[in-house]
Amino acid sequence: MCNPSCRRIVIFLAGSVAMGLVGCAQKRDKLAYDNFTQIRTQVHSRDDVEAILGEPDQRLDDRYLYERPDKHLHVFVEFDDKGRVSRTQWIDGLGETWHDTDDPKPR
């Protein structure tokens, strides 16, 4: 059996592992195509985009850039002067998916 100091160590280690697992779960990458397709031009703001896709890798004056070089994935979200989404682009080199809100709609 464990003595009191041994029990404290076991409880401490179990708590540390649990906290680590919770931290990993919260760090989940939100950059997924299903999330990306939720973004609407002239509707969503910068805060909305961050809530949907997570924090961007780069913030430029009128654009957010998300990159995952290991997946050959580049995502651009452009904003108008009111801070609303004006254009989105999803460029997936491996999956050969290209989505651009500026592309004409198919007839």
C-alpha atoms as a PDB file:
ATOM      1  CA  MET A   1       0.000   0.000   0.000  1.00  0.00           C
ATOM      2  CA  CYS A   2       0.989   3.610  -0.499  1.00  0.00           C
ATOM      3  CA  ASN A   3       1.842   5.833   2.403  1.00  0.00           C
ATOM      4  CA  PRO A   4       0.394   9.403   2.510  1.00  0.00           C
ATOM      5  CA  SER A   5       3.341  10.981   0.660  1.00  0.00           C
ATOM      6  CA  CYS A   6       3.137   8.313  -2.056  1.00  0.00           C
ATOM      7  CA  ARG A   7      -0.599   9.013  -2.444  1.00  0.00           C
ATOM      8  CA  ARG A   8       0.102  12.730  -2.858  1.00  0.00           C
ATOM      9  CA  ILE A   9       2.604  12.018  -5.609  1.00  0.00           C
ATOM     10  CA  VAL A  10       0.158   9.724  -7.422  1.00  0.00           C
ATOM     11  CA  ILE A  11      -2.626  12.324  -7.157  1.00  0.00           C
ATOM     12  CA  PHE A  12      -0.276  15.067  -8.363  1.00  0.00           C
ATOM     13  CA  LEU A  13       0.847  13.008 -11.374  1.00  0.00           C
ATOM     14  CA  ALA A  14      -2.731  12.029 -12.269  1.00  0.00           C
ATOM     15  CA  GLY A  15      -3.801  15.680 -12.058  1.00  0.00           C
ATOM     16  CA  SER A  16      -0.872  16.773 -14.226  1.00  0.00           C
ATOM     17  CA  VAL A  17      -1.732  14.221 -16.895  1.00  0.00           C
ATOM     18  CA  ALA A  18      -5.410  15.265 -16.855  1.00  0.00           C
ATOM     19  CA  MET A  19      -4.506  18.953 -17.206  1.00  0.00           C
ATOM     20  CA  GLY A  20      -2.165  18.137 -20.071  1.00  0.00           C
ATOM     21  CA  LEU A  21      -4.890  16.234 -21.911  1.00  0.00           C
ATOM     22  CA  VAL A  22      -7.356  19.104 -21.467  1.00  0.00           C
ATOM     23  CA  GLY A  23      -4.748  21.544 -22.808  1.00  0.00           C
ATOM     24  CA  CYS A  24      -4.142  19.384 -25.876  1.00  0.00           C
ATOM     25  CA  ALA A  25      -7.851  19.128 -26.585  1.00  0.00           C
ATOM     26  CA  GLN A  26      -8.230  22.924 -26.501  1.00  0.00           C
ATOM     27  CA  LYS A  27      -5.330  23.423 -28.939  1.00  0.00           C
ATOM     28  CA  ARG A  28      -7.213  21.550 -31.698  1.00  0.00           C
ATOM     29  CA  ASP A  29      -6.706  23.044 -35.149  1.00  0.00           C
ATOM     30  CA  LYS A  30      -9.949  24.654 -36.332  1.00  0.00           C
ATOM     31  CA  LEU A  31      -8.680  25.072 -39.886  1.00  0.00           C
ATOM     32  CA  ALA A  32     -10.924  22.580 -41.672  1.00  0.00           C
ATOM     33  CA  TYR A  33     -12.838  22.885 -44.932  1.00  0.00           C
ATOM     34  CA  ASP A  34     -16.177  22.340 -43.181  1.00  0.00           C
ATOM     35  CA  ASN A  35     -15.425  25.297 -40.897  1.00  0.00           C
ATOM     36  CA  PHE A  36     -14.159  27.396 -43.811  1.00  0.00           C
ATOM     37  CA  THR A  37     -17.415  26.955 -45.747  1.00  0.00           C
ATOM     38  CA  GLN A  38     -19.329  28.529 -42.841  1.00  0.00           C
ATOM     39  CA  ILE A  39     -17.729  31.920 -43.538  1.00  0.00           C
ATOM     40  CA  ARG A  40     -20.028  34.265 -45.470  1.00  0.00           C
ATOM     41  CA  THR A  41     -18.973  37.346 -47.406  1.00  0.00           C
ATOM     42  CA  GLN A  42     -20.478  40.648 -46.265  1.00  0.00           C
ATOM     43  CA  VAL A  43     -21.719  38.903 -43.099  1.00  0.00           C
ATOM     44  CA  HIS A  44     -18.818  37.759 -40.928  1.00  0.00           C
ATOM     45  CA  SER A  45     -16.325  40.030 -39.164  1.00  0.00           C
ATOM     46  CA  ARG A  46     -12.677  39.466 -38.230  1.00  0.00           C
ATOM     47  CA  ASP A  47     -13.758  38.207 -34.803  1.00  0.00           C
ATOM     48  CA  ASP A  48     -16.223  35.806 -36.426  1.00  0.00           C
ATOM     49  CA  VAL A  49     -13.504  34.412 -38.686  1.00  0.00           C
ATOM     50  CA  GLU A  50     -11.171  33.858 -35.735  1.00  0.00           C
ATOM     51  CA  ALA A  51     -13.949  32.096 -33.843  1.00  0.00           C
ATOM     52  CA  ILE A  52     -14.550  29.812 -36.833  1.00  0.00           C
ATOM     53  CA  LEU A  53     -10.969  29.157 -38.057  1.00  0.00           C
ATOM     54  CA  GLY A  54      -8.836  30.078 -35.057  1.00  0.00           C
ATOM     55  CA  GLU A  55      -6.073  32.646 -34.870  1.00  0.00           C
ATOM     56  CA  PRO A  56      -4.489  33.406 -38.264  1.00  0.00           C
ATOM     57  CA  ASP A  57      -0.830  32.747 -38.960  1.00  0.00           C
ATOM     58  CA  GLN A  58      -0.475  36.242 -40.430  1.00  0.00           C
ATOM     59  CA  ARG A  59      -2.573  39.389 -40.119  1.00  0.00           C
ATOM     60  CA  LEU A  60      -2.167  41.890 -42.892  1.00  0.00           C
ATOM     61  CA  ASP A  61      -4.080  45.182 -43.210  1.00  0.00           C
ATOM     62  CA  ASP A  62      -7.074  43.717 -45.020  1.00  0.00           C
ATOM     63  CA  ARG A  63      -6.360  39.996 -44.991  1.00  0.00           C
ATOM     64  CA  TYR A  64      -5.842  36.978 -42.758  1.00  0.00           C
ATOM     65  CA  LEU A  65      -3.551  34.197 -43.914  1.00  0.00           C
ATOM     66  CA  TYR A  66      -3.656  30.628 -42.613  1.00  0.00           C
ATOM     67  CA  GLU A  67      -0.942  28.211 -43.720  1.00  0.00           C
ATOM     68  CA  ARG A  68      -0.297  24.528 -43.141  1.00  0.00           C
ATOM     69  CA  PRO A  69       2.829  23.821 -45.256  1.00  0.00           C
ATOM     70  CA  ASP A  70       2.863  20.148 -44.225  1.00  0.00           C
ATOM     71  CA  LYS A  71      -0.606  19.791 -45.816  1.00  0.00           C
ATOM     72  CA  HIS A  72       0.104  22.165 -48.750  1.00  0.00           C
ATOM     73  CA  LEU A  73      -2.828  24.241 -47.525  1.00  0.00           C
ATOM     74  CA  HIS A  74      -3.202  28.015 -47.841  1.00  0.00           C
ATOM     75  CA  VAL A  75      -6.298  29.935 -46.798  1.00  0.00           C
ATOM     76  CA  PHE A  76      -6.894  33.636 -47.370  1.00  0.00           C
ATOM     77  CA  VAL A  77      -9.697  35.723 -45.932  1.00  0.00           C
ATOM     78  CA  GLU A  78      -9.972  39.323 -47.135  1.00  0.00           C
ATOM     79  CA  PHE A  79     -11.920  42.097 -45.408  1.00  0.00           C
ATOM     80  CA  ASP A  80     -13.552  45.271 -46.690  1.00  0.00           C
ATOM     81  CA  ASP A  81     -13.147  48.733 -45.128  1.00  0.00           C
ATOM     82  CA  LYS A  82     -15.976  47.931 -42.668  1.00  0.00           C
ATOM     83  CA  GLY A  83     -14.156  44.837 -41.408  1.00  0.00           C
ATOM     84  CA  ARG A  84     -16.530  42.366 -43.076  1.00  0.00           C
ATOM     85  CA  VAL A  85     -15.371  39.396 -45.157  1.00  0.00           C
ATOM     86  CA  SER A  86     -15.146  40.376 -48.826  1.00  0.00           C
ATOM     87  CA  ARG A  87     -13.396  37.307 -50.278  1.00  0.00           C
ATOM     88  CA  THR A  88     -12.269  33.862 -49.181  1.00  0.00           C
ATOM     89  CA  GLN A  89      -9.842  31.417 -50.787  1.00  0.00           C
ATOM     90  CA  TRP A  90      -9.083  27.802 -49.847  1.00  0.00           C
ATOM     91  CA  ILE A  91      -6.112  26.374 -51.747  1.00  0.00           C
ATOM     92  CA  ASP A  92      -5.365  22.728 -50.987  1.00  0.00           C
ATOM     93  CA  GLY A  93      -2.452  21.469 -53.100  1.00  0.00           C
ATOM     94  CA  LEU A  94      -2.720  17.851 -51.993  1.00  0.00           C
ATOM     95  CA  GLY A  95      -6.483  17.498 -52.139  1.00  0.00           C
ATOM     96  CA  GLU A  96      -6.642  19.619 -55.290  1.00  0.00           C
ATOM     97  CA  THR A  97      -9.441  21.690 -53.764  1.00  0.00           C
ATOM     98  CA  TRP A  98      -9.650  25.335 -54.802  1.00  0.00           C
ATOM     99  CA  HIS A  99     -12.484  27.473 -53.496  1.00  0.00           C
ATOM    100  CA  ASP A 100     -12.583  31.191 -54.286  1.00  0.00           C
ATOM    101  CA  THR A 101     -15.610  33.397 -53.657  1.00  0.00           C
ATOM    102  CA  ASP A 102     -14.490  35.563 -56.609  1.00  0.00           C
ATOM    103  CA  ASP A 103     -14.891  32.664 -59.071  1.00  0.00           C
ATOM    104  CA  PRO A 104     -18.049  32.874 -61.187  1.00  0.00           C
ATOM    105  CA  LYS A 105     -20.844  30.584 -60.059  1.00  0.00           C
ATOM    106  CA  PRO A 106     -21.505  27.533 -62.285  1.00  0.00           C
ATOM    107  CA  ARG A 107     -24.639  27.759 -64.403  1.00  0.00           C
END
